[in-house]
Amino acid sequence: GFTNSTALSPTDVMPLAPWAKCVMTLQSLVSLIILGLVVA
């Protein structure tokens, strides 16, 4: 969860199931929005 929120992509853990890919995509998007808007 931490690396997916900081790297905004899989690092060493690969999502295989469709639900895992969708959830990791959603988490990366949420983290990108938070970090980008808050810092700006």
PDB file of all heavy atoms in Angstrom:
ATOM      1  N   GLY A   1       0.810  -1.215   0.000  1.00  0.00           N
ATOM      2  CA  GLY A   1       0.000   0.000   0.000  1.00  0.00           C
ATOM      3  C   GLY A   1       0.842   1.263   0.000  1.00  0.00           C
ATOM      4  O   GLY A   1       0.508   2.237  -0.683  1.00  0.00           O
ATOM      5  N   PHE A   2       1.949   1.244   0.752  1.00  0.00           N
ATOM      6  CA  PHE A   2       2.813   2.430   0.821  1.00  0.00           C
ATOM      7  C   PHE A   2       3.527   2.668  -0.509  1.00  0.00           C
ATOM      8  O   PHE A   2       3.549   3.794  -1.021  1.00  0.00           O
ATOM      9  CB  PHE A   2       3.822   2.261   1.951  1.00  0.00           C
ATOM     10  CG  PHE A   2       4.782   3.409   2.072  1.00  0.00           C
ATOM     11  CD1 PHE A   2       4.403   4.583   2.695  1.00  0.00           C
ATOM     12  CD2 PHE A   2       6.063   3.329   1.540  1.00  0.00           C
ATOM     13  CE1 PHE A   2       5.285   5.657   2.806  1.00  0.00           C
ATOM     14  CE2 PHE A   2       6.947   4.391   1.640  1.00  0.00           C
ATOM     15  CZ  PHE A   2       6.551   5.549   2.273  1.00  0.00           C
ATOM     16  N   THR A   3       4.137   1.642  -1.061  1.00  0.00           N
ATOM     17  CA  THR A   3       4.889   1.823  -2.312  1.00  0.00           C
ATOM     18  C   THR A   3       3.966   2.165  -3.473  1.00  0.00           C
ATOM     19  O   THR A   3       4.334   2.947  -4.353  1.00  0.00           O
ATOM     20  CB  THR A   3       5.693   0.563  -2.642  1.00  0.00           C
ATOM     21  OG1 THR A   3       4.822  -0.587  -2.673  1.00  0.00           O
ATOM     22  CG2 THR A   3       6.778   0.321  -1.603  1.00  0.00           C
ATOM     23  N   ASN A   4       2.756   1.609  -3.486  1.00  0.00           N
ATOM     24  CA  ASN A   4       1.829   1.929  -4.570  1.00  0.00           C
ATOM     25  C   ASN A   4       1.363   3.378  -4.475  1.00  0.00           C
ATOM     26  O   ASN A   4       1.039   4.000  -5.489  1.00  0.00           O
ATOM     27  CB  ASN A   4       0.630   0.986  -4.529  1.00  0.00           C
ATOM     28  CG  ASN A   4      -0.182   1.024  -5.805  1.00  0.00           C
ATOM     29  OD1 ASN A   4       0.354   0.904  -6.900  1.00  0.00           O
ATOM     30  ND2 ASN A   4      -1.490   1.183  -5.677  1.00  0.00           N
ATOM     31  N   SER A   5       1.332   3.932  -3.240  1.00  0.00           N
ATOM     32  CA  SER A   5       0.923   5.327  -3.068  1.00  0.00           C
ATOM     33  C   SER A   5       2.054   6.308  -3.331  1.00  0.00           C
ATOM     34  O   SER A   5       1.797   7.492  -3.566  1.00  0.00           O
ATOM     35  CB  SER A   5       0.403   5.546  -1.633  1.00  0.00           C
ATOM     36  OG  SER A   5      -0.867   4.975  -1.477  1.00  0.00           O
ATOM     37  N   THR A   6       3.296   5.842  -3.257  1.00  0.00           N
ATOM     38  CA  THR A   6       4.432   6.744  -3.485  1.00  0.00           C
ATOM     39  C   THR A   6       4.984   6.613  -4.901  1.00  0.00           C
ATOM     40  O   THR A   6       5.286   7.615  -5.546  1.00  0.00           O
ATOM     41  CB  THR A   6       5.550   6.462  -2.474  1.00  0.00           C
ATOM     42  OG1 THR A   6       5.856   5.060  -2.474  1.00  0.00           O
ATOM     43  CG2 THR A   6       5.120   6.864  -1.068  1.00  0.00           C
ATOM     44  N   ALA A   7       5.106   5.378  -5.392  1.00  0.00           N
ATOM     45  CA  ALA A   7       5.603   5.176  -6.756  1.00  0.00           C
ATOM     46  C   ALA A   7       4.496   5.318  -7.791  1.00  0.00           C
ATOM     47  O   ALA A   7       4.773   5.472  -8.981  1.00  0.00           O
ATOM     48  CB  ALA A   7       6.246   3.790  -6.882  1.00  0.00           C
ATOM     49  N   LEU A   8       3.228   5.250  -7.329  1.00  0.00           N
ATOM     50  CA  LEU A   8       2.057   5.346  -8.216  1.00  0.00           C
ATOM     51  C   LEU A   8       2.047   4.236  -9.251  1.00  0.00           C
ATOM     52  O   LEU A   8       1.510   4.411 -10.354  1.00  0.00           O
ATOM     53  CB  LEU A   8       2.008   6.724  -8.900  1.00  0.00           C
ATOM     54  CG  LEU A   8       2.076   7.935  -7.966  1.00  0.00           C
ATOM     55  CD1 LEU A   8       2.044   9.226  -8.768  1.00  0.00           C
ATOM     56  CD2 LEU A   8       0.936   7.908  -6.961  1.00  0.00           C
ATOM     57  N   SER A   9       2.636   3.101  -8.917  1.00  0.00           N
ATOM     58  CA  SER A   9       2.667   1.940  -9.824  1.00  0.00           C
ATOM     59  C   SER A   9       3.172   0.754  -9.026  1.00  0.00           C
ATOM     60  O   SER A   9       3.754   0.925  -7.950  1.00  0.00           O
ATOM     61  CB  SER A   9       3.595   2.204 -11.018  1.00  0.00           C
ATOM     62  OG  SER A   9       4.935   2.373 -10.582  1.00  0.00           O
ATOM     63  N   PRO A  10       2.973  -0.470  -9.534  1.00  0.00           N
ATOM     64  CA  PRO A  10       3.511  -1.635  -8.828  1.00  0.00           C
ATOM     65  C   PRO A  10       5.037  -1.566  -8.749  1.00  0.00           C
ATOM     66  O   PRO A  10       5.694  -1.113  -9.686  1.00  0.00           O
ATOM     67  CB  PRO A  10       3.045  -2.817  -9.685  1.00  0.00           C
ATOM     68  CG  PRO A  10       1.895  -2.303 -10.486  1.00  0.00           C
ATOM     69  CD  PRO A  10       2.180  -0.860 -10.718  1.00  0.00           C
ATOM     70  N   THR A  11       5.573  -1.994  -7.627  1.00  0.00           N
ATOM     71  CA  THR A  11       7.026  -2.054  -7.461  1.00  0.00           C
ATOM     72  C   THR A  11       7.486  -3.499  -7.529  1.00  0.00           C
ATOM     73  O   THR A  11       7.955  -3.947  -8.560  1.00  0.00           O
ATOM     74  CB  THR A  11       7.442  -1.401  -6.141  1.00  0.00           C
ATOM     75  OG1 THR A  11       6.692  -1.999  -5.061  1.00  0.00           O
ATOM     76  CG2 THR A  11       7.160   0.089  -6.165  1.00  0.00           C
ATOM     77  N   ASP A  12       7.361  -4.231  -6.431  1.00  0.00           N
ATOM     78  CA  ASP A  12       7.791  -5.632  -6.444  1.00  0.00           C
ATOM     79  C   ASP A  12       6.624  -6.595  -6.381  1.00  0.00           C
ATOM     80  O   ASP A  12       6.800  -7.806  -6.533  1.00  0.00           O
ATOM     81  CB  ASP A  12       8.744  -5.918  -5.277  1.00  0.00           C
ATOM     82  CG  ASP A  12       8.079  -5.701  -3.930  1.00  0.00           C
ATOM     83  OD1 ASP A  12       7.072  -4.966  -3.893  1.00  0.00           O
ATOM     84  OD2 ASP A  12       8.546  -6.264  -2.928  1.00  0.00           O
ATOM     85  N   VAL A  13       5.400  -6.109  -6.149  1.00  0.00           N
ATOM     86  CA  VAL A  13       4.213  -6.960  -6.063  1.00  0.00           C
ATOM     87  C   VAL A  13       3.378  -6.741  -7.315  1.00  0.00           C
ATOM     88  O   VAL A  13       2.954  -5.618  -7.600  1.00  0.00           O
ATOM     89  CB  VAL A  13       3.389  -6.640  -4.805  1.00  0.00           C
ATOM     90  CG1 VAL A  13       2.196  -7.587  -4.707  1.00  0.00           C
ATOM     91  CG2 VAL A  13       4.252  -6.745  -3.560  1.00  0.00           C
ATOM     92  N   MET A  14       3.121  -7.818  -8.048  1.00  0.00           N
ATOM     93  CA  MET A  14       2.405  -7.717  -9.306  1.00  0.00           C
ATOM     94  C   MET A  14       0.934  -8.107  -9.143  1.00  0.00           C
ATOM     95  O   MET A  14       0.642  -9.199  -8.627  1.00  0.00           O
ATOM     96  CB  MET A  14       3.048  -8.639 -10.352  1.00  0.00           C
ATOM     97  CG  MET A  14       4.464  -8.257 -10.741  1.00  0.00           C
ATOM     98  SD  MET A  14       4.557  -6.647 -11.566  1.00  0.00           S
ATOM     99  CE  MET A  14       5.286  -5.646 -10.256  1.00  0.00           C
ATOM    100  N   PRO A  15      -0.002  -7.247  -9.540  1.00  0.00           N
ATOM    101  CA  PRO A  15      -1.416  -7.625  -9.487  1.00  0.00           C
ATOM    102  C   PRO A  15      -1.748  -8.585 -10.629  1.00  0.00           C
ATOM    103  O   PRO A  15      -1.471  -8.299 -11.791  1.00  0.00           O
ATOM    104  CB  PRO A  15      -2.144  -6.286  -9.652  1.00  0.00           C
ATOM    105  CG  PRO A  15      -1.180  -5.435 -10.428  1.00  0.00           C
ATOM    106  CD  PRO A  15       0.194  -5.866 -10.025  1.00  0.00           C
ATOM    107  N   LEU A  16      -2.339  -9.708 -10.297  1.00  0.00           N
ATOM    108  CA  LEU A  16      -2.702 -10.710 -11.301  1.00  0.00           C
ATOM    109  C   LEU A  16      -4.214 -10.727 -11.566  1.00  0.00           C
ATOM    110  O   LEU A  16      -4.635 -10.860 -12.707  1.00  0.00           O
ATOM    111  CB  LEU A  16      -2.236 -12.098 -10.853  1.00  0.00           C
ATOM    112  CG  LEU A  16      -0.732 -12.264 -10.582  1.00  0.00           C
ATOM    113  CD1 LEU A  16      -0.422 -13.699 -10.189  1.00  0.00           C
ATOM    114  CD2 LEU A  16       0.098 -11.837 -11.781  1.00  0.00           C
ATOM    115  N   ALA A  17      -4.998 -10.615 -10.520  1.00  0.00           N
ATOM    116  CA  ALA A  17      -6.455 -10.649 -10.668  1.00  0.00           C
ATOM    117  C   ALA A  17      -6.962  -9.292 -11.143  1.00  0.00           C
ATOM    118  O   ALA A  17      -6.383  -8.249 -10.803  1.00  0.00           O
ATOM    119  CB  ALA A  17      -7.111 -11.024  -9.346  1.00  0.00           C
ATOM    120  N   PRO A  18      -8.054  -9.274 -11.909  1.00  0.00           N
ATOM    121  CA  PRO A  18      -8.597  -7.990 -12.369  1.00  0.00           C
ATOM    122  C   PRO A  18      -8.943  -7.046 -11.224  1.00  0.00           C
ATOM    123  O   PRO A  18      -8.711  -5.836 -11.326  1.00  0.00           O
ATOM    124  CB  PRO A  18      -9.841  -8.400 -13.170  1.00  0.00           C
ATOM    125  CG  PRO A  18      -9.535  -9.793 -13.644  1.00  0.00           C
ATOM    126  CD  PRO A  18      -8.739 -10.416 -12.542  1.00  0.00           C
ATOM    127  N   TRP A  19      -9.518  -7.576 -10.142  1.00  0.00           N
ATOM    128  CA  TRP A  19      -9.883  -6.695  -9.036  1.00  0.00           C
ATOM    129  C   TRP A  19      -8.641  -6.045  -8.436  1.00  0.00           C
ATOM    130  O   TRP A  19      -8.689  -4.869  -8.028  1.00  0.00           O
ATOM    131  CB  TRP A  19     -10.668  -7.439  -7.965  1.00  0.00           C
ATOM    132  CG  TRP A  19      -9.867  -8.377  -7.114  1.00  0.00           C
ATOM    133  CD1 TRP A  19      -9.791  -9.729  -7.235  1.00  0.00           C
ATOM    134  CD2 TRP A  19      -9.023  -8.038  -5.995  1.00  0.00           C
ATOM    135  NE1 TRP A  19      -8.960 -10.257  -6.275  1.00  0.00           N
ATOM    136  CE2 TRP A  19      -8.475  -9.245  -5.503  1.00  0.00           C
ATOM    137  CE3 TRP A  19      -8.682  -6.847  -5.374  1.00  0.00           C
ATOM    138  CZ2 TRP A  19      -7.599  -9.279  -4.416  1.00  0.00           C
ATOM    139  CZ3 TRP A  19      -7.805  -6.877  -4.291  1.00  0.00           C
ATOM    140  CH2 TRP A  19      -7.287  -8.087  -3.817  1.00  0.00           C
ATOM    141  N   ALA A  20      -7.533  -6.777  -8.357  1.00  0.00           N
ATOM    142  CA  ALA A  20      -6.304  -6.221  -7.798  1.00  0.00           C
ATOM    143  C   ALA A  20      -5.773  -5.100  -8.680  1.00  0.00           C
ATOM    144  O   ALA A  20      -5.289  -4.069  -8.174  1.00  0.00           O
ATOM    145  CB  ALA A  20      -5.263  -7.316  -7.637  1.00  0.00           C
ATOM    146  N   LYS A  21      -5.839  -5.267  -9.990  1.00  0.00           N
ATOM    147  CA  LYS A  21      -5.396  -4.217 -10.897  1.00  0.00           C
ATOM    148  C   LYS A  21      -6.269  -2.971 -10.753  1.00  0.00           C
ATOM    149  O   LYS A  21      -5.759  -1.837 -10.754  1.00  0.00           O
ATOM    150  CB  LYS A  21      -5.426  -4.734 -12.338  1.00  0.00           C
ATOM    151  CG  LYS A  21      -4.458  -5.886 -12.595  1.00  0.00           C
ATOM    152  CD  LYS A  21      -4.548  -6.378 -14.021  1.00  0.00           C
ATOM    153  CE  LYS A  21      -3.582  -7.533 -14.259  1.00  0.00           C
ATOM    154  NZ  LYS A  21      -3.625  -8.048 -15.635  1.00  0.00           N
ATOM    155  N   CYS A  22      -7.583  -3.176 -10.628  1.00  0.00           N
ATOM    156  CA  CYS A  22      -8.490  -2.034 -10.494  1.00  0.00           C
ATOM    157  C   CYS A  22      -8.258  -1.291  -9.178  1.00  0.00           C
ATOM    158  O   CYS A  22      -8.219  -0.054  -9.148  1.00  0.00           O
ATOM    159  CB  CYS A  22      -9.941  -2.514 -10.579  1.00  0.00           C
ATOM    160  SG  CYS A  22     -10.426  -3.156 -12.190  1.00  0.00           S
ATOM    161  N   VAL A  23      -8.082  -2.034  -8.087  1.00  0.00           N
ATOM    162  CA  VAL A  23      -7.887  -1.402  -6.783  1.00  0.00           C
ATOM    163  C   VAL A  23      -6.554  -0.669  -6.736  1.00  0.00           C
ATOM    164  O   VAL A  23      -6.470   0.457  -6.212  1.00  0.00           O
ATOM    165  CB  VAL A  23      -7.980  -2.454  -5.664  1.00  0.00           C
ATOM    166  CG1 VAL A  23      -7.578  -1.844  -4.323  1.00  0.00           C
ATOM    167  CG2 VAL A  23      -9.390  -3.005  -5.573  1.00  0.00           C
ATOM    168  N   MET A  24      -5.497  -1.266  -7.273  1.00  0.00           N
ATOM    169  CA  MET A  24      -4.195  -0.594  -7.272  1.00  0.00           C
ATOM    170  C   MET A  24      -4.228   0.650  -8.152  1.00  0.00           C
ATOM    171  O   MET A  24      -3.590   1.664  -7.842  1.00  0.00           O
ATOM    172  CB  MET A  24      -3.107  -1.556  -7.732  1.00  0.00           C
ATOM    173  CG  MET A  24      -2.800  -2.654  -6.720  1.00  0.00           C
ATOM    174  SD  MET A  24      -1.422  -3.727  -7.183  1.00  0.00           S
ATOM    175  CE  MET A  24      -0.037  -2.594  -6.982  1.00  0.00           C
ATOM    176  N   THR A  25      -4.967   0.603  -9.252  1.00  0.00           N
ATOM    177  CA  THR A  25      -5.125   1.783 -10.098  1.00  0.00           C
ATOM    178  C   THR A  25      -5.853   2.895  -9.351  1.00  0.00           C
ATOM    179  O   THR A  25      -5.450   4.069  -9.395  1.00  0.00           O
ATOM    180  CB  THR A  25      -5.891   1.434 -11.377  1.00  0.00           C
ATOM    181  OG1 THR A  25      -5.182   0.427 -12.109  1.00  0.00           O
ATOM    182  CG2 THR A  25      -6.082   2.656 -12.260  1.00  0.00           C
ATOM    183  N   LEU A  26      -6.925   2.531  -8.642  1.00  0.00           N
ATOM    184  CA  LEU A  26      -7.679   3.518  -7.870  1.00  0.00           C
ATOM    185  C   LEU A  26      -6.811   4.134  -6.783  1.00  0.00           C
ATOM    186  O   LEU A  26      -6.829   5.353  -6.575  1.00  0.00           O
ATOM    187  CB  LEU A  26      -8.911   2.852  -7.253  1.00  0.00           C
ATOM    188  CG  LEU A  26      -9.764   3.731  -6.327  1.00  0.00           C
ATOM    189  CD1 LEU A  26     -10.319   4.927  -7.093  1.00  0.00           C
ATOM    190  CD2 LEU A  26     -10.891   2.906  -5.701  1.00  0.00           C
ATOM    191  N   GLN A  27      -6.030   3.313  -6.088  1.00  0.00           N
ATOM    192  CA  GLN A  27      -5.172   3.843  -5.029  1.00  0.00           C
ATOM    193  C   GLN A  27      -4.125   4.796  -5.595  1.00  0.00           C
ATOM    194  O   GLN A  27      -3.864   5.861  -5.018  1.00  0.00           O
ATOM    195  CB  GLN A  27      -4.483   2.715  -4.271  1.00  0.00           C
ATOM    196  CG  GLN A  27      -3.663   3.229  -3.095  1.00  0.00           C
ATOM    197  CD  GLN A  27      -2.784   2.181  -2.464  1.00  0.00           C
ATOM    198  OE1 GLN A  27      -2.658   1.079  -2.981  1.00  0.00           O
ATOM    199  NE2 GLN A  27      -2.174   2.517  -1.342  1.00  0.00           N
ATOM    200  N   SER A  28      -3.525   4.446  -6.714  1.00  0.00           N
ATOM    201  CA  SER A  28      -2.532   5.328  -7.326  1.00  0.00           C
ATOM    202  C   SER A  28      -3.156   6.648  -7.739  1.00  0.00           C
ATOM    203  O   SER A  28      -2.560   7.719  -7.557  1.00  0.00           O
ATOM    204  CB  SER A  28      -1.901   4.644  -8.547  1.00  0.00           C
ATOM    205  OG  SER A  28      -1.185   3.488  -8.178  1.00  0.00           O
ATOM    206  N   LEU A  29      -4.364   6.593  -8.293  1.00  0.00           N
ATOM    207  CA  LEU A  29      -5.053   7.814  -8.714  1.00  0.00           C
ATOM    208  C   LEU A  29      -5.369   8.702  -7.515  1.00  0.00           C
ATOM    209  O   LEU A  29      -5.155   9.925  -7.553  1.00  0.00           O
ATOM    210  CB  LEU A  29      -6.339   7.453  -9.465  1.00  0.00           C
ATOM    211  CG  LEU A  29      -7.194   8.619  -9.964  1.00  0.00           C
ATOM    212  CD1 LEU A  29      -6.415   9.467 -10.957  1.00  0.00           C
ATOM    213  CD2 LEU A  29      -8.484   8.102 -10.596  1.00  0.00           C
ATOM    214  N   VAL A  30      -5.882   8.095  -6.432  1.00  0.00           N
ATOM    215  CA  VAL A  30      -6.204   8.858  -5.225  1.00  0.00           C
ATOM    216  C   VAL A  30      -4.952   9.513  -4.649  1.00  0.00           C
ATOM    217  O   VAL A  30      -4.952  10.689  -4.280  1.00  0.00           O
ATOM    218  CB  VAL A  30      -6.872   7.934  -4.184  1.00  0.00           C
ATOM    219  CG1 VAL A  30      -6.941   8.622  -2.814  1.00  0.00           C
ATOM    220  CG2 VAL A  30      -8.268   7.539  -4.643  1.00  0.00           C
ATOM    221  N   SER A  31      -3.862   8.750  -4.582  1.00  0.00           N
ATOM    222  CA  SER A  31      -2.619   9.288  -4.034  1.00  0.00           C
ATOM    223  C   SER A  31      -2.070  10.411  -4.903  1.00  0.00           C
ATOM    224  O   SER A  31      -1.592  11.431  -4.390  1.00  0.00           O
ATOM    225  CB  SER A  31      -1.589   8.164  -3.914  1.00  0.00           C
ATOM    226  OG  SER A  31      -0.384   8.636  -3.358  1.00  0.00           O
ATOM    227  N   LEU A  32      -2.136  10.242  -6.220  1.00  0.00           N
ATOM    228  CA  LEU A  32      -1.663  11.286  -7.128  1.00  0.00           C
ATOM    229  C   LEU A  32      -2.438  12.581  -6.940  1.00  0.00           C
ATOM    230  O   LEU A  32      -1.853  13.676  -6.894  1.00  0.00           O
ATOM    231  CB  LEU A  32      -1.786  10.792  -8.571  1.00  0.00           C
ATOM    232  CG  LEU A  32      -1.407  11.791  -9.667  1.00  0.00           C
ATOM    233  CD1 LEU A  32       0.068  12.174  -9.562  1.00  0.00           C
ATOM    234  CD2 LEU A  32      -1.708  11.211 -11.050  1.00  0.00           C
ATOM    235  N   ILE A  33      -3.747  12.477  -6.794  1.00  0.00           N
ATOM    236  CA  ILE A  33      -4.573  13.673  -6.619  1.00  0.00           C
ATOM    237  C   ILE A  33      -4.250  14.363  -5.296  1.00  0.00           C
ATOM    238  O   ILE A  33      -4.085  15.594  -5.235  1.00  0.00           O
ATOM    239  CB  ILE A  33      -6.061  13.295  -6.697  1.00  0.00           C
ATOM    240  CG1 ILE A  33      -6.425  12.850  -8.126  1.00  0.00           C
ATOM    241  CG2 ILE A  33      -6.937  14.467  -6.278  1.00  0.00           C
ATOM    242  CD1 ILE A  33      -7.833  12.322  -8.257  1.00  0.00           C
ATOM    243  N   ILE A  34      -4.154  13.573  -4.219  1.00  0.00           N
ATOM    244  CA  ILE A  34      -3.876  14.158  -2.907  1.00  0.00           C
ATOM    245  C   ILE A  34      -2.528  14.858  -2.903  1.00  0.00           C
ATOM    246  O   ILE A  34      -2.404  16.036  -2.523  1.00  0.00           O
ATOM    247  CB  ILE A  34      -3.922  13.077  -1.808  1.00  0.00           C
ATOM    248  CG1 ILE A  34      -5.339  12.532  -1.647  1.00  0.00           C
ATOM    249  CG2 ILE A  34      -3.432  13.655  -0.479  1.00  0.00           C
ATOM    250  CD1 ILE A  34      -5.436  11.385  -0.662  1.00  0.00           C
ATOM    251  N   LEU A  35      -1.484  14.138  -3.323  1.00  0.00           N
ATOM    252  CA  LEU A  35      -0.138  14.702  -3.283  1.00  0.00           C
ATOM    253  C   LEU A  35      -0.015  15.911  -4.202  1.00  0.00           C
ATOM    254  O   LEU A  35       0.561  16.942  -3.823  1.00  0.00           O
ATOM    255  CB  LEU A  35       0.891  13.634  -3.668  1.00  0.00           C
ATOM    256  CG  LEU A  35       1.013  12.445  -2.709  1.00  0.00           C
ATOM    257  CD1 LEU A  35       1.996  11.421  -3.267  1.00  0.00           C
ATOM    258  CD2 LEU A  35       1.455  12.908  -1.337  1.00  0.00           C
ATOM    259  N   GLY A  36      -0.562  15.799  -5.408  1.00  0.00           N
ATOM    260  CA  GLY A  36      -0.438  16.890  -6.367  1.00  0.00           C
ATOM    261  C   GLY A  36      -1.158  18.146  -5.916  1.00  0.00           C
ATOM    262  O   GLY A  36      -0.572  19.246  -5.888  1.00  0.00           O
ATOM    263  N   LEU A  37      -2.429  18.013  -5.500  1.00  0.00           N
ATOM    264  CA  LEU A  37      -3.200  19.192  -5.122  1.00  0.00           C
ATOM    265  C   LEU A  37      -2.714  19.793  -3.809  1.00  0.00           C
ATOM    266  O   LEU A  37      -2.632  21.022  -3.674  1.00  0.00           O
ATOM    267  CB  LEU A  37      -4.680  18.824  -5.016  1.00  0.00           C
ATOM    268  CG  LEU A  37      -5.394  18.503  -6.340  1.00  0.00           C
ATOM    269  CD1 LEU A  37      -6.847  18.145  -6.082  1.00  0.00           C
ATOM    270  CD2 LEU A  37      -5.304  19.682  -7.303  1.00  0.00           C
ATOM    271  N   VAL A  38      -2.391  18.955  -2.830  1.00  0.00           N
ATOM    272  CA  VAL A  38      -1.971  19.473  -1.526  1.00  0.00           C
ATOM    273  C   VAL A  38      -0.647  20.210  -1.660  1.00  0.00           C
ATOM    274  O   VAL A  38      -0.476  21.330  -1.132  1.00  0.00           O
ATOM    275  CB  VAL A  38      -1.865  18.330  -0.506  1.00  0.00           C
ATOM    276  CG1 VAL A  38      -1.143  18.793   0.756  1.00  0.00           C
ATOM    277  CG2 VAL A  38      -3.245  17.821  -0.142  1.00  0.00           C
ATOM    278  N   VAL A  39       0.305  19.617  -2.354  1.00  0.00           N
ATOM    279  CA  VAL A  39       1.614  20.276  -2.501  1.00  0.00           C
ATOM    280  C   VAL A  39       1.481  21.576  -3.288  1.00  0.00           C
ATOM    281  O   VAL A  39       2.068  22.616  -2.929  1.00  0.00           O
ATOM    282  CB  VAL A  39       2.613  19.326  -3.185  1.00  0.00           C
ATOM    283  CG1 VAL A  39       3.892  20.060  -3.548  1.00  0.00           C
ATOM    284  CG2 VAL A  39       2.932  18.144  -2.268  1.00  0.00           C
ATOM    285  N   ALA A  40       0.690  21.545  -4.378  1.00  0.00           N
ATOM    286  CA  ALA A  40       0.513  22.745  -5.171  1.00  0.00           C
ATOM    287  C   ALA A  40      -0.129  23.866  -4.362  1.00  0.00           C
ATOM    288  O   ALA A  40       0.284  25.033  -4.423  1.00  0.00           O
ATOM    289  CB  ALA A  40      -0.332  22.431  -6.394  1.00  0.00           C
TER     290      ALA A  40
END
